PDB file of N, CA and C in Angstrom:
ATOM      1  N   MET A   1     159.496  20.039 -37.830  1.00  0.00           N
ATOM      2  CA  MET A   1     160.037  19.108 -38.450  1.00  0.00           C
ATOM      3  C   MET A   1     161.039  18.879 -39.624  1.00  0.00           C
ATOM      4  N   PRO A   2     162.153  18.610 -40.261  1.00  0.00           N
ATOM      5  CA  PRO A   2     162.591  18.468 -41.456  1.00  0.00           C
ATOM      6  C   PRO A   2     162.229  16.566 -42.016  1.00  0.00           C
ATOM      7  N   ARG A   3     161.863  17.285 -43.412  1.00  0.00           N
ATOM      8  CA  ARG A   3     162.173  16.132 -44.175  1.00  0.00           C
ATOM      9  C   ARG A   3     162.969  15.297 -44.653  1.00  0.00           C
ATOM     10  N   SER A   4     162.083  14.118 -44.351  1.00  0.00           N
ATOM     11  CA  SER A   4     163.502  13.350 -45.353  1.00  0.00           C
ATOM     12  C   SER A   4     163.374  13.216 -46.715  1.00  0.00           C
ATOM     13  N   HIS A   5     164.779  13.197 -47.320  1.00  0.00           N
ATOM     14  CA  HIS A   5     165.204  13.529 -48.791  1.00  0.00           C
ATOM     15  C   HIS A   5     166.033  12.357 -49.122  1.00  0.00           C
ATOM     16  N   LYS A   6     166.008  11.861 -49.940  1.00  0.00           N
ATOM     17  CA  LYS A   6     166.842  11.591 -51.229  1.00  0.00           C
ATOM     18  C   LYS A   6     168.082  12.119 -51.755  1.00  0.00           C
ATOM     19  N   THR A   7     169.522  10.966 -50.846  1.00  0.00           N
ATOM     20  CA  THR A   7     170.319  12.235 -52.090  1.00  0.00           C
ATOM     21  C   THR A   7     170.546  11.505 -53.236  1.00  0.00           C
ATOM     22  N   HIS A   8     171.116  12.936 -54.251  1.00  0.00           N
ATOM     23  CA  HIS A   8     171.172  11.856 -55.337  1.00  0.00           C
ATOM     24  C   HIS A   8     172.349  13.008 -55.653  1.00  0.00           C
ATOM     25  N   SER A   9     173.885  12.456 -56.189  1.00  0.00           N
ATOM     26  CA  SER A   9     174.768  12.636 -57.250  1.00  0.00           C
ATOM     27  C   SER A   9     174.728  13.754 -58.108  1.00  0.00           C
ATOM     28  N   CYS A  10     175.659  14.837 -57.525  1.00  0.00           N
ATOM     29  CA  CYS A  10     175.386  15.823 -58.975  1.00  0.00           C
ATOM     30  C   CYS A  10     176.256  15.275 -60.334  1.00  0.00           C
ATOM     31  N   ILE A  11     175.126  15.347 -61.721  1.00  0.00           N
ATOM     32  CA  ILE A  11     175.402  14.331 -62.600  1.00  0.00           C
ATOM     33  C   ILE A  11     177.366  14.882 -63.449  1.00  0.00           C
ATOM     34  N   VAL A  12     177.459  16.414 -62.917  1.00  0.00           N
ATOM     35  CA  VAL A  12     178.616  17.174 -63.431  1.00  0.00           C
ATOM     36  C   VAL A  12     179.813  15.952 -62.929  1.00  0.00           C
ATOM     37  N   PRO A  13     180.290  15.438 -63.739  1.00  0.00           N
ATOM     38  CA  PRO A  13     181.447  14.702 -63.958  1.00  0.00           C
ATOM     39  C   PRO A  13     182.303  15.082 -62.150  1.00  0.00           C
ATOM     40  N   GLY A  14     182.763  14.587 -61.489  1.00  0.00           N
ATOM     41  CA  GLY A  14     183.802  14.857 -60.656  1.00  0.00           C
ATOM     42  C   GLY A  14     183.310  15.517 -59.461  1.00  0.00           C
ATOM     43  N   CYS A  15     182.395  15.784 -59.495  1.00  0.00           N
ATOM     44  CA  CYS A  15     180.934  17.233 -57.699  1.00  0.00           C
ATOM     45  C   CYS A  15     181.037  15.758 -57.191  1.00  0.00           C
ATOM     46  N   THR A  16     181.467  16.416 -55.596  1.00  0.00           N
ATOM     47  CA  THR A  16     181.295  15.323 -54.626  1.00  0.00           C
ATOM     48  C   THR A  16     179.813  15.881 -53.746  1.00  0.00           C
ATOM     49  N   ARG A  17     179.710  17.393 -54.318  1.00  0.00           N
ATOM     50  CA  ARG A  17     178.128  17.563 -53.661  1.00  0.00           C
ATOM     51  C   ARG A  17     176.821  17.316 -53.861  1.00  0.00           C
ATOM     52  N   ASP A  18     175.752  17.443 -53.197  1.00  0.00           N
ATOM     53  CA  ASP A  18     174.487  16.489 -52.894  1.00  0.00           C
ATOM     54  C   ASP A  18     174.046  17.165 -54.883  1.00  0.00           C
ATOM     55  N   GLY A  19     173.292  16.749 -55.466  1.00  0.00           N
ATOM     56  CA  GLY A  19     172.297  17.056 -56.472  1.00  0.00           C
ATOM     57  C   GLY A  19     170.777  17.402 -55.578  1.00  0.00           C
ATOM     58  N   ARG A  20     170.980  17.868 -55.267  1.00  0.00           N
ATOM     59  CA  ARG A  20     169.172  18.752 -55.017  1.00  0.00           C
ATOM     60  C   ARG A  20     168.721  19.585 -55.864  1.00  0.00           C
ATOM     61  N   ASN A  21     168.978  19.410 -56.709  1.00  0.00           N
ATOM     62  CA  ASN A  21     167.796  20.610 -58.112  1.00  0.00           C
ATOM     63  C   ASN A  21     167.504  19.018 -59.219  1.00  0.00           C
ATOM     64  N   ARG A  22     166.630  19.214 -59.344  1.00  0.00           N
ATOM     65  CA  ARG A  22     166.673  17.770 -60.404  1.00  0.00           C
ATOM     66  C   ARG A  22     166.456  19.151 -61.865  1.00  0.00           C
ATOM     67  N   LEU A  23     166.668  18.039 -62.827  1.00  0.00           N
ATOM     68  CA  LEU A  23     166.438  18.662 -64.324  1.00  0.00           C
ATOM     69  C   LEU A  23     164.790  17.961 -65.016  1.00  0.00           C
ATOM     70  N   GLY A  24     165.140  18.735 -65.827  1.00  0.00           N
ATOM     71  CA  GLY A  24     163.347  18.407 -66.546  1.00  0.00           C
ATOM     72  C   GLY A  24     163.280  19.469 -67.419  1.00  0.00           C
ATOM     73  N   VAL A  25     162.053  18.755 -67.915  1.00  0.00           N
ATOM     74  CA  VAL A  25     161.997  19.727 -69.920  1.00  0.00           C
ATOM     75  C   VAL A  25     159.972  19.748 -70.053  1.00  0.00           C
ATOM     76  N   ARG A  26     159.580  20.656 -70.324  1.00  0.00           N
ATOM     77  CA  ARG A  26     158.232  20.900 -70.272  1.00  0.00           C
ATOM     78  C   ARG A  26     158.061  21.297 -72.075  1.00  0.00           C
ATOM     79  N   CYS A  27     156.975  21.052 -72.539  1.00  0.00           N
ATOM     80  CA  CYS A  27     156.854  21.515 -73.847  1.00  0.00           C
ATOM     81  C   CYS A  27     154.895  22.123 -72.695  1.00  0.00           C
ATOM     82  N   ARG A  28     155.427  23.856 -72.820  1.00  0.00           N
ATOM     83  CA  ARG A  28     154.234  24.637 -73.136  1.00  0.00           C
ATOM     84  C   ARG A  28     153.233  25.379 -74.393  1.00  0.00           C
ATOM     85  N   ILE A  29     152.201  25.339 -73.902  1.00  0.00           N
ATOM     86  CA  ILE A  29     150.730  26.149 -75.427  1.00  0.00           C
ATOM     87  C   ILE A  29     151.657  27.108 -74.778  1.00  0.00           C
ATOM     88  N   ALA A  30     152.115  27.933 -76.582  1.00  0.00           N
ATOM     89  CA  ALA A  30     152.149  29.273 -76.363  1.00  0.00           C
ATOM     90  C   ALA A  30     151.245  29.598 -77.677  1.00  0.00           C
ATOM     91  N   HIS A  31     149.841  29.364 -77.747  1.00  0.00           N
ATOM     92  CA  HIS A  31     148.728  30.131 -78.227  1.00  0.00           C
ATOM     93  C   HIS A  31     147.599  29.744 -77.126  1.00  0.00           C
ATOM     94  N   ASP A  32     146.686  30.898 -78.287  1.00  0.00           N
ATOM     95  CA  ASP A  32     145.391  31.101 -77.359  1.00  0.00           C
ATOM     96  C   ASP A  32     144.480  30.221 -78.253  1.00  0.00           C
ATOM     97  N   GLU A  33     144.468  29.428 -79.322  1.00  0.00           N
ATOM     98  CA  GLU A  33     143.506  28.122 -79.780  1.00  0.00           C
ATOM     99  C   GLU A  33     143.243  27.303 -79.205  1.00  0.00           C
ATOM    100  N   ALA A  34     141.923  26.481 -79.986  1.00  0.00           N
ATOM    101  CA  ALA A  34     141.583  25.155 -78.842  1.00  0.00           C
ATOM    102  C   ALA A  34     142.911  24.498 -78.932  1.00  0.00           C
ATOM    103  N   VAL A  35     142.200  24.062 -78.205  1.00  0.00           N
ATOM    104  CA  VAL A  35     144.086  22.804 -77.137  1.00  0.00           C
ATOM    105  C   VAL A  35     142.873  21.150 -77.016  1.00  0.00           C
ATOM    106  N   PRO A  36     143.550  19.958 -76.903  1.00  0.00           N
ATOM    107  CA  PRO A  36     143.315  18.633 -76.801  1.00  0.00           C
ATOM    108  C   PRO A  36     142.731  18.684 -75.569  1.00  0.00           C
ATOM    109  N   PHE A  37     143.132  19.816 -74.787  1.00  0.00           N
ATOM    110  CA  PHE A  37     143.118  19.536 -73.410  1.00  0.00           C
ATOM    111  C   PHE A  37     142.089  20.122 -72.705  1.00  0.00           C
ATOM    112  N   PRO A  38     140.337  20.393 -72.977  1.00  0.00           N
ATOM    113  CA  PRO A  38     139.749  21.670 -72.253  1.00  0.00           C
ATOM    114  C   PRO A  38     139.612  22.226 -71.565  1.00  0.00           C
ATOM    115  N   LYS A  39     140.743  21.748 -69.945  1.00  0.00           N
ATOM    116  CA  LYS A  39     141.021  22.104 -68.616  1.00  0.00           C
ATOM    117  C   LYS A  39     141.985  23.151 -68.502  1.00  0.00           C
ATOM    118  N   LYS A  40     142.999  23.249 -69.765  1.00  0.00           N
ATOM    119  CA  LYS A  40     144.697  24.444 -69.961  1.00  0.00           C
ATOM    120  C   LYS A  40     144.212  24.772 -71.654  1.00  0.00           C
ATOM    121  N   GLY A  41     145.109  25.911 -70.782  1.00  0.00           N
ATOM    122  CA  GLY A  41     145.130  27.202 -71.499  1.00  0.00           C
ATOM    123  C   GLY A  41     146.658  27.240 -71.727  1.00  0.00           C
ATOM    124  N   ARG A  42     146.454  29.073 -72.304  1.00  0.00           N
ATOM    125  CA  ARG A  42     148.123  29.345 -72.433  1.00  0.00           C
ATOM    126  C   ARG A  42     148.678  29.292 -71.732  1.00  0.00           C
ATOM    127  N   THR A  43     149.626  28.918 -71.499  1.00  0.00           N
ATOM    128  CA  THR A  43     151.342  28.454 -70.709  1.00  0.00           C
ATOM    129  C   THR A  43     150.938  27.451 -69.518  1.00  0.00           C
ATOM    130  N   SER A  44     149.775  26.659 -70.192  1.00  0.00           N
ATOM    131  CA  SER A  44     149.867  25.588 -69.436  1.00  0.00           C
ATOM    132  C   SER A  44     150.328  24.837 -70.413  1.00  0.00           C
ATOM    133  N   ALA A  45     150.853  23.250 -68.861  1.00  0.00           N
ATOM    134  CA  ALA A  45     152.134  22.527 -69.745  1.00  0.00           C
ATOM    135  C   ALA A  45     151.332  21.547 -70.158  1.00  0.00           C
ATOM    136  N   LEU A  46     151.877  20.856 -71.720  1.00  0.00           N
ATOM    137  CA  LEU A  46     150.562  19.297 -72.431  1.00  0.00           C
ATOM    138  C   LEU A  46     151.335  18.409 -71.935  1.00  0.00           C
ATOM    139  N   TRP A  47     153.404  18.836 -71.311  1.00  0.00           N
ATOM    140  CA  TRP A  47     153.709  17.815 -70.591  1.00  0.00           C
ATOM    141  C   TRP A  47     155.492  18.313 -69.852  1.00  0.00           C
ATOM    142  N   SER A  48     155.622  18.480 -68.868  1.00  0.00           N
ATOM    143  CA  SER A  48     156.769  18.175 -67.592  1.00  0.00           C
ATOM    144  C   SER A  48     157.347  17.501 -67.401  1.00  0.00           C
ATOM    145  N   PRO A  49     158.085  15.899 -67.956  1.00  0.00           N
ATOM    146  CA  PRO A  49     158.502  15.078 -66.974  1.00  0.00           C
ATOM    147  C   PRO A  49     160.147  15.593 -66.564  1.00  0.00           C
ATOM    148  N   ASP A  50     160.351  15.254 -65.417  1.00  0.00           N
ATOM    149  CA  ASP A  50     162.338  15.167 -64.467  1.00  0.00           C
ATOM    150  C   ASP A  50     162.440  14.065 -65.187  1.00  0.00           C
ATOM    151  N   ALA A  51     163.592  14.313 -65.574  1.00  0.00           N
ATOM    152  CA  ALA A  51     164.935  13.403 -65.476  1.00  0.00           C
ATOM    153  C   ALA A  51     165.119  12.584 -64.405  1.00  0.00           C
ATOM    154  N   GLU A  52     165.845  11.482 -64.401  1.00  0.00           N
ATOM    155  CA  GLU A  52     166.821  11.151 -63.455  1.00  0.00           C
ATOM    156  C   GLU A  52     168.212  11.257 -63.279  1.00  0.00           C
ATOM    157  N   ALA A  53     168.137  12.817 -63.038  1.00  0.00           N
ATOM    158  CA  ALA A  53     169.520  13.746 -62.843  1.00  0.00           C
ATOM    159  C   ALA A  53     169.328  14.766 -62.197  1.00  0.00           C
ATOM    160  N   TYR A  54     170.370  15.044 -62.039  1.00  0.00           N
ATOM    161  CA  TYR A  54     170.403  16.114 -60.220  1.00  0.00           C
ATOM    162  C   TYR A  54     171.621  16.633 -60.570  1.00  0.00           C
ATOM    163  N   LEU A  55     171.516  18.279 -59.428  1.00  0.00           N
ATOM    164  CA  LEU A  55     172.652  18.684 -59.800  1.00  0.00           C
ATOM    165  C   LEU A  55     172.936  20.298 -58.305  1.00  0.00           C
ATOM    166  N   CYS A  56     174.627  19.734 -57.842  1.00  0.00           N
ATOM    167  CA  CYS A  56     174.349  20.594 -56.952  1.00  0.00           C
ATOM    168  C   CYS A  56     173.708  21.872 -57.167  1.00  0.00           C
ATOM    169  N   ASP A  57     174.033  23.063 -56.580  1.00  0.00           N
ATOM    170  CA  ASP A  57     173.694  24.695 -55.799  1.00  0.00           C
ATOM    171  C   ASP A  57     174.287  25.237 -57.002  1.00  0.00           C
ATOM    172  N   SER A  58     176.205  24.540 -56.890  1.00  0.00           N
ATOM    173  CA  SER A  58     176.749  25.198 -57.747  1.00  0.00           C
ATOM    174  C   SER A  58     176.627  25.398 -59.203  1.00  0.00           C
ATOM    175  N   HIS A  59     176.644  23.990 -59.378  1.00  0.00           N
ATOM    176  CA  HIS A  59     175.913  23.542 -60.783  1.00  0.00           C
ATOM    177  C   HIS A  59     174.897  23.872 -61.373  1.00  0.00           C
ATOM    178  N   ALA A  60     173.920  24.041 -60.123  1.00  0.00           N
ATOM    179  CA  ALA A  60     172.344  24.402 -60.888  1.00  0.00           C
ATOM    180  C   ALA A  60     172.618  26.125 -61.096  1.00  0.00           C
ATOM    181  N   LEU A  61     173.599  27.467 -60.704  1.00  0.00           N
ATOM    182  CA  LEU A  61     173.195  28.474 -60.840  1.00  0.00           C
ATOM    183  C   LEU A  61     174.171  28.560 -61.748  1.00  0.00           C
ATOM    184  N   GLY A  62     175.044  28.055 -61.406  1.00  0.00           N
ATOM    185  CA  GLY A  62     176.617  28.231 -62.165  1.00  0.00           C
ATOM    186  C   GLY A  62     176.401  28.981 -63.936  1.00  0.00           C
ATOM    187  N   GLY A  63     175.912  28.341 -64.233  1.00  0.00           N
ATOM    188  CA  GLY A  63     175.298  28.804 -65.990  1.00  0.00           C
ATOM    189  C   GLY A  63     175.584  26.931 -66.279  1.00  0.00           C
ATOM    190  N   ALA A  64     174.780  26.637 -67.771  1.00  0.00           N
ATOM    191  CA  ALA A  64     175.494  25.811 -68.648  1.00  0.00           C
ATOM    192  C   ALA A  64     175.138  26.197 -69.625  1.00  0.00           C
ATOM    193  N   HIS A  65     175.245  24.901 -70.860  1.00  0.00           N
ATOM    194  CA  HIS A  65     175.306  24.998 -72.088  1.00  0.00           C
ATOM    195  C   HIS A  65     174.250  23.883 -72.494  1.00  0.00           C
ATOM    196  N   LEU A  66     173.002  23.861 -72.423  1.00  0.00           N
ATOM    197  CA  LEU A  66     171.934  22.719 -72.813  1.00  0.00           C
ATOM    198  C   LEU A  66     171.920  22.891 -74.549  1.00  0.00           C
ATOM    199  N   THR A  67     172.015  21.227 -75.172  1.00  0.00           N
ATOM    200  CA  THR A  67     171.732  21.082 -76.716  1.00  0.00           C
ATOM    201  C   THR A  67     170.633  19.598 -76.232  1.00  0.00           C
ATOM    202  N   MET A  68     169.379  20.632 -77.192  1.00  0.00           N
ATOM    203  CA  MET A  68     168.218  19.448 -77.185  1.00  0.00           C
ATOM    204  C   MET A  68     168.280  19.015 -78.816  1.00  0.00           C
ATOM    205  N   LEU A  69     167.702  16.961 -78.287  1.00  0.00           N
ATOM    206  CA  LEU A  69     167.637  16.985 -79.594  1.00  0.00           C
ATOM    207  C   LEU A  69     165.969  16.457 -79.910  1.00  0.00           C
ATOM    208  N   PHE A  70     164.555  16.995 -80.703  1.00  0.00           N
ATOM    209  CA  PHE A  70     164.229  15.829 -81.108  1.00  0.00           C
ATOM    210  C   PHE A  70     163.863  15.196 -81.835  1.00  0.00           C
ATOM    211  N   GLU A  71     163.061  13.799 -81.229  1.00  0.00           N
ATOM    212  CA  GLU A  71     163.053  13.142 -82.250  1.00  0.00           C
ATOM    213  C   GLU A  71     161.622  12.875 -82.238  1.00  0.00           C
ATOM    214  N   PRO A  72     161.020  12.963 -83.113  1.00  0.00           N
ATOM    215  CA  PRO A  72     159.384  12.304 -83.210  1.00  0.00           C
ATOM    216  C   PRO A  72     159.382  10.948 -82.806  1.00  0.00           C
ATOM    217  N   ASP A  73     158.261  10.247 -82.649  1.00  0.00           N
ATOM    218  CA  ASP A  73     158.421   8.195 -82.514  1.00  0.00           C
ATOM    219  C   ASP A  73     157.049   7.406 -82.123  1.00  0.00           C
ATOM    220  N   ALA A  74     155.768   8.905 -82.196  1.00  0.00           N
ATOM    221  CA  ALA A  74     154.512   8.213 -82.565  1.00  0.00           C
ATOM    222  C   ALA A  74     154.135   7.312 -81.181  1.00  0.00           C
ATOM    223  N   SER A  75     154.768   7.756 -80.034  1.00  0.00           N
ATOM    224  CA  SER A  75     155.277   6.175 -78.936  1.00  0.00           C
ATOM    225  C   SER A  75     153.992   6.797 -77.604  1.00  0.00           C
ATOM    226  N   GLU A  76     153.725   8.312 -77.981  1.00  0.00           N
ATOM    227  CA  GLU A  76     152.881   8.951 -76.543  1.00  0.00           C
ATOM    228  C   GLU A  76     153.616   8.590 -75.985  1.00  0.00           C
ATOM    229  N   SER A  77     155.069   8.497 -75.340  1.00  0.00           N
ATOM    230  CA  SER A  77     155.979   8.661 -74.217  1.00  0.00           C
ATOM    231  C   SER A  77     156.450   9.676 -75.020  1.00  0.00           C
ATOM    232  N   LEU A  78     157.736  10.304 -72.998  1.00  0.00           N
ATOM    233  CA  LEU A  78     159.067  10.585 -73.251  1.00  0.00           C
ATOM    234  C   LEU A  78     160.346   9.955 -72.801  1.00  0.00           C
ATOM    235  N   THR A  79     161.403  10.237 -73.886  1.00  0.00           N
ATOM    236  CA  THR A  79     162.372   9.851 -73.286  1.00  0.00           C
ATOM    237  C   THR A  79     163.395  10.661 -72.660  1.00  0.00           C
ATOM    238  N   ILE A  80     163.216  11.308 -71.827  1.00  0.00           N
ATOM    239  CA  ILE A  80     164.731  12.216 -71.455  1.00  0.00           C
ATOM    240  C   ILE A  80     166.041  11.079 -70.637  1.00  0.00           C
ATOM    241  N   LYS A  81     166.998  11.721 -72.102  1.00  0.00           N
ATOM    242  CA  LYS A  81     168.637  11.214 -71.398  1.00  0.00           C
ATOM    243  C   LYS A  81     169.538  12.339 -71.511  1.00  0.00           C
ATOM    244  N   VAL A  82     170.225  12.436 -69.704  1.00  0.00           N
ATOM    245  CA  VAL A  82     171.014  13.469 -69.767  1.00  0.00           C
ATOM    246  C   VAL A  82     172.822  13.055 -69.954  1.00  0.00           C
ATOM    247  N   ILE A  83     172.760  13.749 -71.042  1.00  0.00           N
ATOM    248  CA  ILE A  83     174.175  13.920 -71.242  1.00  0.00           C
ATOM    249  C   ILE A  83     176.051  14.407 -70.922  1.00  0.00           C
ATOM    250  N   ALA A  84     175.712  13.868 -69.274  1.00  0.00           N
ATOM    251  CA  ALA A  84     177.584  15.219 -69.018  1.00  0.00           C
ATOM    252  C   ALA A  84     178.683  14.638 -68.934  1.00  0.00           C
ATOM    253  N   THR A  85     179.164  14.592 -70.255  1.00  0.00           N
ATOM    254  CA  THR A  85     180.224  14.458 -70.378  1.00  0.00           C
ATOM    255  C   THR A  85     180.785  12.613 -70.708  1.00  0.00           C
ATOM    256  N   THR A  86     180.483  12.454 -69.424  1.00  0.00           N
ATOM    257  CA  THR A  86     179.886  10.686 -69.230  1.00  0.00           C
ATOM    258  C   THR A  86     179.408  10.043 -68.637  1.00  0.00           C
ATOM    259  N   THR A  87     178.574  10.704 -68.024  1.00  0.00           N
ATOM    260  CA  THR A  87     177.247  10.304 -67.383  1.00  0.00           C
ATOM    261  C   THR A  87     176.303  10.602 -68.093  1.00  0.00           C
ATOM    262  N   VAL A  88     175.335   9.356 -67.468  1.00  0.00           N
ATOM    263  CA  VAL A  88     174.534   8.526 -68.879  1.00  0.00           C
ATOM    264  C   VAL A  88     173.275   8.670 -68.106  1.00  0.00           C
ATOM    265  N   ASP A  89     171.554   9.314 -68.116  1.00  0.00           N
ATOM    266  CA  ASP A  89     171.158   8.792 -67.242  1.00  0.00           C
ATOM    267  C   ASP A  89     169.792   8.927 -68.424  1.00  0.00           C
ATOM    268  N   GLU A  90     168.957   7.912 -68.236  1.00  0.00           N
ATOM    269  CA  GLU A  90     167.481   7.990 -69.365  1.00  0.00           C
ATOM    270  C   GLU A  90     165.756   7.324 -68.060  1.00  0.00           C
ATOM    271  N   ARG A  91     165.092   8.385 -69.008  1.00  0.00           N
ATOM    272  CA  ARG A  91     164.054   8.202 -68.186  1.00  0.00           C
ATOM    273  C   ARG A  91     162.767   8.394 -69.036  1.00  0.00           C
ATOM    274  N   SER A  92     161.894   7.408 -69.066  1.00  0.00           N
ATOM    275  CA  SER A  92     160.783   8.007 -69.627  1.00  0.00           C
ATOM    276  C   SER A  92     159.270   7.896 -69.484  1.00  0.00           C
ATOM    277  N   THR A  93     158.419   9.007 -69.860  1.00  0.00           N
ATOM    278  CA  THR A  93     157.139   8.670 -69.084  1.00  0.00           C
ATOM    279  C   THR A  93     156.027   9.512 -70.605  1.00  0.00           C
ATOM    280  N   ARG A  94     155.065   7.984 -69.300  1.00  0.00           N
ATOM    281  CA  ARG A  94     154.052   8.194 -71.025  1.00  0.00           C
ATOM    282  C   ARG A  94     153.220   9.808 -70.687  1.00  0.00           C
ATOM    283  N   ILE A  95     152.849  10.145 -72.324  1.00  0.00           N
ATOM    284  CA  ILE A  95     152.041  11.065 -72.172  1.00  0.00           C
ATOM    285  C   ILE A  95     150.928  11.386 -71.712  1.00  0.00           C
ATOM    286  N   LYS A  96     150.633  11.402 -71.027  1.00  0.00           N
ATOM    287  CA  LYS A  96     149.022  11.943 -70.081  1.00  0.00           C
ATOM    288  C   LYS A  96     147.772  12.550 -71.764  1.00  0.00           C
ATOM    289  N   GLN A  97     146.671  11.625 -71.862  1.00  0.00           N
ATOM    290  CA  GLN A  97     146.061  11.727 -73.361  1.00  0.00           C
ATOM    291  C   GLN A  97     144.240  12.545 -72.096  1.00  0.00           C
ATOM    292  N   PRO A  98     144.076  12.694 -72.575  1.00  0.00           N
ATOM    293  CA  PRO A  98     141.974  13.014 -72.268  1.00  0.00           C
ATOM    294  C   PRO A  98     141.469  12.529 -71.502  1.00  0.00           C
TER     295      PRO A  98
END
């Protein structure tokens, strides 16, 4: 039986295809030293929130330029904002502490 899923629009302006691929970002542990999370090791993610932004298959596989702006704010949460020419989507996620 096929699973039902909510459809999303592709965030690329002018694209009319379904956005079936969700954008996200993750921060991976890149060392072998002690970390704040005892059960996590090298290459585990400290955090990995998804954005409320979706791409169609064509745009997900077609290549892109990504620009990341990291602004530390001591809030213990992450906000991801995706700007695709005229589209702005934002989502905040709390960082899970041990």
